[in-house]
Amino acid sequence: MVHYQARLDTTFAALADVTRRGVLEQLGGSDASISDLAQRFQMTLTGMKKHVSVLEQAGLVTTEKVGRVRTCKLGPRRLEEEAAWIEQHRQLWSARFDALDELVEHLKNKEKADARSKRR
């Protein structure tokens, strides 16, 4: 459970940043060098290397260095655990909102009934 939780934390932390999400979108279309990504996102090489490193640690990106060029591509992770976690919590919140809707409807009906009985 702890390993599972740590992996979720690492993935969600990596996805929390708009630049890293943009890098993943970019790599979904084609592989790119860190230089290309840095230029595309208007940042320094050092800054982009840090972003790519976070994505690599989460298993979302892999890099390969050939000569002086480090090429990035999408990693092997398919986010199935994360999707399952999100779905589990979506179902939980959906059930809670359904129960809240029922309570609100019940209170509205009771309020209407009380108003009718006061008129009599």
Protein backbone atom coordinates (compact mmCIF):
# COMPACT_ATOMS: atom_id res chain seq x y z
CA MET A 1 0.00 0.00 0.00
CA VAL A 2 2.83 2.40 0.86
CA HIS A 3 4.58 1.72 -2.46
CA TYR A 4 1.29 2.22 -4.29
CA GLN A 5 0.66 5.50 -2.45
CA ALA A 6 4.19 6.78 -3.08
CA ARG A 7 3.83 6.03 -6.78
CA LEU A 8 0.53 7.92 -6.93
CA ASP A 9 2.11 10.87 -5.11
CA THR A 10 5.04 10.92 -7.53
CA THR A 11 2.79 10.75 -10.58
CA PHE A 12 0.31 13.38 -9.40
CA ALA A 13 3.18 15.68 -8.36
CA ALA A 14 4.67 15.31 -11.83
CA LEU A 15 1.30 16.04 -13.47
CA ALA A 16 0.60 19.01 -11.20
CA ASP A 17 2.81 21.32 -13.24
CA VAL A 18 1.45 22.86 -16.44
CA THR A 19 4.83 22.73 -18.18
CA ARG A 20 5.25 19.02 -17.48
CA ARG A 21 1.74 18.31 -18.75
CA GLY A 22 2.65 20.28 -21.87
CA VAL A 23 5.83 18.24 -22.30
CA LEU A 24 3.78 15.03 -22.13
CA GLU A 25 1.37 16.37 -24.74
CA GLN A 26 4.28 17.32 -26.96
CA LEU A 27 5.91 13.91 -26.60
CA GLY A 28 2.57 12.26 -27.37
CA GLY A 29 3.01 13.62 -30.89
CA SER A 30 6.69 12.85 -31.37
CA ASP A 31 9.96 12.39 -29.53
CA ALA A 32 11.94 15.57 -28.85
CA SER A 33 15.32 16.62 -27.56
CA ILE A 34 15.60 18.55 -24.32
CA SER A 35 16.85 21.49 -26.40
CA ASP A 36 13.73 21.37 -28.58
CA LEU A 37 11.48 21.20 -25.53
CA ALA A 38 13.32 24.06 -23.81
CA GLN A 39 12.95 26.22 -26.90
CA ARG A 40 9.29 25.30 -27.37
CA PHE A 41 8.49 26.19 -23.74
CA GLN A 42 10.80 29.21 -23.69
CA MET A 43 12.94 28.09 -20.78
CA THR A 44 16.54 27.31 -20.03
CA LEU A 45 18.04 23.89 -20.68
CA THR A 46 18.61 23.48 -16.95
CA GLY A 47 14.95 24.23 -16.21
CA MET A 48 13.74 21.77 -18.84
CA LYS A 49 16.16 19.10 -17.61
CA LYS A 50 14.61 19.42 -14.15
CA HIS A 51 11.10 19.05 -15.53
CA VAL A 52 12.11 16.03 -17.59
CA SER A 53 13.83 14.51 -14.55
CA VAL A 54 10.60 14.74 -12.53
CA LEU A 55 8.69 13.08 -15.38
CA GLU A 56 11.37 10.37 -15.62
CA GLN A 57 11.18 9.64 -11.90
CA ALA A 58 7.43 9.15 -12.29
CA GLY A 59 8.04 6.77 -15.21
CA LEU A 60 6.14 9.03 -17.59
CA VAL A 61 9.14 9.88 -19.80
CA THR A 62 12.32 8.10 -20.82
CA THR A 63 15.44 9.73 -22.17
CA GLU A 64 18.29 8.45 -24.26
CA LYS A 65 21.55 10.26 -24.85
CA VAL A 66 23.14 9.82 -28.26
CA GLY A 67 26.27 11.90 -28.62
CA ARG A 68 25.47 15.33 -27.23
CA VAL A 69 21.72 15.10 -27.72
CA ARG A 70 19.35 13.77 -25.05
CA THR A 71 16.09 12.64 -26.66
CA CYS A 72 12.89 12.33 -24.66
CA LYS A 73 9.94 10.07 -25.39
CA LEU A 74 6.87 8.90 -23.54
CA GLY A 75 7.61 6.28 -20.93
CA PRO A 76 6.06 2.85 -20.59
CA ARG A 77 3.60 3.80 -17.80
CA ARG A 78 -0.03 3.93 -18.86
CA LEU A 79 -1.43 5.54 -15.69
CA GLU A 80 -3.80 2.64 -15.02
CA GLU A 81 -3.30 2.80 -11.23
CA GLU A 82 -3.91 6.54 -11.25
CA ALA A 83 -7.03 6.17 -13.40
CA ALA A 84 -8.34 3.47 -11.04
CA TRP A 85 -7.70 5.73 -8.02
CA ILE A 86 -9.50 8.63 -9.70
CA GLU A 87 -12.45 6.39 -10.66
CA GLN A 88 -12.73 5.02 -7.11
CA HIS A 89 -12.89 8.54 -5.69
CA ARG A 90 -15.24 9.73 -8.44
CA GLN A 91 -17.67 6.97 -7.47
CA LEU A 92 -17.35 7.86 -3.80
CA TRP A 93 -18.09 11.53 -4.41
CA SER A 94 -20.87 10.71 -6.85
CA ALA A 95 -22.57 8.59 -4.16
CA ARG A 96 -22.16 11.39 -1.63
CA PHE A 97 -23.65 13.98 -3.98
CA ASP A 98 -26.55 11.63 -4.78
CA ALA A 99 -27.24 11.26 -1.04
CA LEU A 100 -27.06 15.04 -0.63
CA ASP A 101 -29.52 15.50 -3.52
CA GLU A 102 -31.92 13.09 -1.84
CA LEU A 103 -31.64 14.95 1.47
CA VAL A 104 -32.25 18.32 -0.19
CA GLU A 105 -35.28 16.92 -2.03
CA HIS A 106 -36.61 15.44 1.22
CA LEU A 107 -36.19 18.79 3.03
CA LYS A 108 -37.90 20.67 0.20
CA ASN A 109 -40.86 18.29 0.30
CA LYS A 110 -41.06 18.59 4.09
CA GLU A 111 -40.93 22.39 3.83
CA LYS A 112 -43.77 22.37 1.28
CA ALA A 113 -45.83 20.04 3.44
CA ASP A 114 -45.25 22.23 6.51
CA ALA A 115 -46.27 25.33 4.54
CA ARG A 116 -49.49 23.61 3.40
CA SER A 117 -50.39 22.52 6.91
CA LYS A 118 -49.89 26.08 8.24
CA ARG A 119 -52.34 27.46 5.66
CA ARG A 120 -55.13 25.26 6.93
